[in-house]
C-alpha atoms as a PDB file:
ATOM      1  CA  MET A   1     108.366 117.725  97.139  1.00  0.00           C
ATOM      2  CA  GLN A   2     106.419 113.943  96.407  1.00  0.00           C
ATOM      3  CA  SER A   3     102.546 114.061  97.248  1.00  0.00           C
ATOM      4  CA  LEU A   4     102.146 111.132  99.616  1.00  0.00           C
ATOM      5  CA  ASN A   5      99.625 110.424 101.581  1.00  0.00           C
ATOM      6  CA  TYR A   6      99.579 111.618 104.924  1.00  0.00           C
ATOM      7  CA  GLY A   7      96.197 109.754 106.577  1.00  0.00           C
ATOM      8  CA  CYS A   8      96.311 110.697 109.927  1.00  0.00           C
ATOM      9  CA  SER A   9      96.369 107.546 112.696  1.00  0.00           C
ATOM     10  CA  LYS A  10      94.516 110.393 115.435  1.00  0.00           C
ATOM     11  CA  CYS A  11      91.284 111.365 113.509  1.00  0.00           C
ATOM     12  CA  SER A  12      91.277 109.192 109.858  1.00  0.00           C
ATOM     13  CA  ASN A  13      91.010 112.876 107.751  1.00  0.00           C
ATOM     14  CA  ASN A  14      92.659 111.958 104.627  1.00  0.00           C
ATOM     15  CA  ARG A  15      93.664 115.899 104.058  1.00  0.00           C
ATOM     16  CA  TYR A  16      96.617 117.975 104.755  1.00  0.00           C
ATOM     17  CA  GLU A  17      98.553 121.041 104.906  1.00  0.00           C
ATOM     18  CA  THR A  18     102.818 120.763 103.765  1.00  0.00           C
ATOM     19  CA  GLY A  19     105.759 123.170 104.946  1.00  0.00           C
ATOM     20  CA  GLU A  20     109.088 123.063 105.445  1.00  0.00           C
ATOM     21  CA  ILE A  21     111.580 124.087 108.525  1.00  0.00           C
ATOM     22  CA  GLY A  22     115.312 123.896 108.531  1.00  0.00           C
ATOM     23  CA  ALA A  23     116.822 123.078 112.141  1.00  0.00           C
ATOM     24  CA  ALA A  24     120.860 123.815 112.839  1.00  0.00           C
ATOM     25  CA  GLY A  25     122.417 121.028 113.960  1.00  0.00           C
ATOM     26  CA  GLY A  26     125.916 121.600 116.173  1.00  0.00           C
ATOM     27  CA  PHE A  27     127.597 124.983 118.160  1.00  0.00           C
ATOM     28  CA  TRP A  28     129.554 125.982 115.104  1.00  0.00           C
ATOM     29  CA  SER A  29     126.048 126.001 112.244  1.00  0.00           C
ATOM     30  CA  LYS A  30     124.329 128.159 115.279  1.00  0.00           C
ATOM     31  CA  ILE A  31     127.037 130.730 115.050  1.00  0.00           C
ATOM     32  CA  PHE A  32     126.838 130.806 111.123  1.00  0.00           C
ATOM     33  CA  ASP A  33     123.134 130.536 110.687  1.00  0.00           C
ATOM     34  CA  VAL A  34     123.574 127.025 108.682  1.00  0.00           C
ATOM     35  CA  GLN A  35     120.428 124.751 108.156  1.00  0.00           C
ATOM     36  CA  GLY A  36     122.272 121.614 109.515  1.00  0.00           C
ATOM     37  CA  SER A  37     118.384 119.579 108.360  1.00  0.00           C
ATOM     38  CA  ARG A  38     116.275 120.493 106.613  1.00  0.00           C
ATOM     39  CA  PHE A  39     112.633 118.824 107.819  1.00  0.00           C
ATOM     40  CA  ILE A  40     108.651 118.845 106.247  1.00  0.00           C
ATOM     41  CA  VAL A  41     106.046 119.381 108.068  1.00  0.00           C
ATOM     42  CA  VAL A  42     102.612 117.756 107.577  1.00  0.00           C
ATOM     43  CA  THR A  43      99.601 118.845 109.496  1.00  0.00           C
ATOM     44  CA  ARG A  44      96.545 117.438 109.512  1.00  0.00           C
ATOM     45  CA  SER A  45      93.798 119.653 108.632  1.00  0.00           C
ATOM     46  CA  ARG A  46      90.227 118.292 110.477  1.00  0.00           C
ATOM     47  CA  CYS A  47      92.863 117.990 114.097  1.00  0.00           C
ATOM     48  CA  ARG A  48      95.986 119.961 113.486  1.00  0.00           C
ATOM     49  CA  TYR A  49      98.035 116.793 114.389  1.00  0.00           C
ATOM     50  CA  THR A  50     101.210 117.765 113.239  1.00  0.00           C
ATOM     51  CA  GLU A  51     104.271 115.030 112.325  1.00  0.00           C
ATOM     52  CA  PHE A  52     108.188 116.221 111.100  1.00  0.00           C
ATOM     53  CA  PHE A  53     109.531 114.277 108.159  1.00  0.00           C
ATOM     54  CA  LYS A  54     113.351 114.190 107.646  1.00  0.00           C
ATOM     55  CA  ALA A  55     114.315 115.811 103.905  1.00  0.00           C
ATOM     56  CA  LYS A  56     117.304 115.715 102.176  1.00  0.00           C
ATOM     57  CA  THR A  57     119.971 118.521 102.197  1.00  0.00           C
ATOM     58  CA  SER A  58     122.173 118.569  99.543  1.00  0.00           C
ATOM     59  CA  MET A  59     125.234 121.147  99.906  1.00  0.00           C
ATOM     60  CA  PRO A  60     124.515 123.586  97.316  1.00  0.00           C
ATOM     61  CA  ASP A  61     121.366 124.152  99.170  1.00  0.00           C
ATOM     62  CA  ASN A  62     123.626 124.244 102.766  1.00  0.00           C
ATOM     63  CA  ILE A  63     125.605 127.014 100.405  1.00  0.00           C
ATOM     64  CA  PHE A  64     122.985 129.309  99.553  1.00  0.00           C
ATOM     65  CA  ASN A  65     122.008 128.937 102.989  1.00  0.00           C
ATOM     66  CA  PHE A  66     124.975 130.410 105.071  1.00  0.00           C
ATOM     67  CA  PHE A  67     125.307 133.599 102.393  1.00  0.00           C
ATOM     68  CA  THR A  68     121.618 134.415 102.318  1.00  0.00           C
ATOM     69  CA  ASN A  69     120.919 134.678 106.299  1.00  0.00           C
END
């Protein structure tokens, strides 16, 4: 993940924590437990305001996810 400045518009703090989550897209991805979308989660350290940014996914990631879930 690239290093960016995720300054907070609520409290003007520049300190944050990041993480990633995956989400199922439709009926078949829910049935086979495949995460069709990935998001970067940014939470500000001071006010705990959280935003989600869509991340790129690749076919190898989706295949690996299918066999490991």
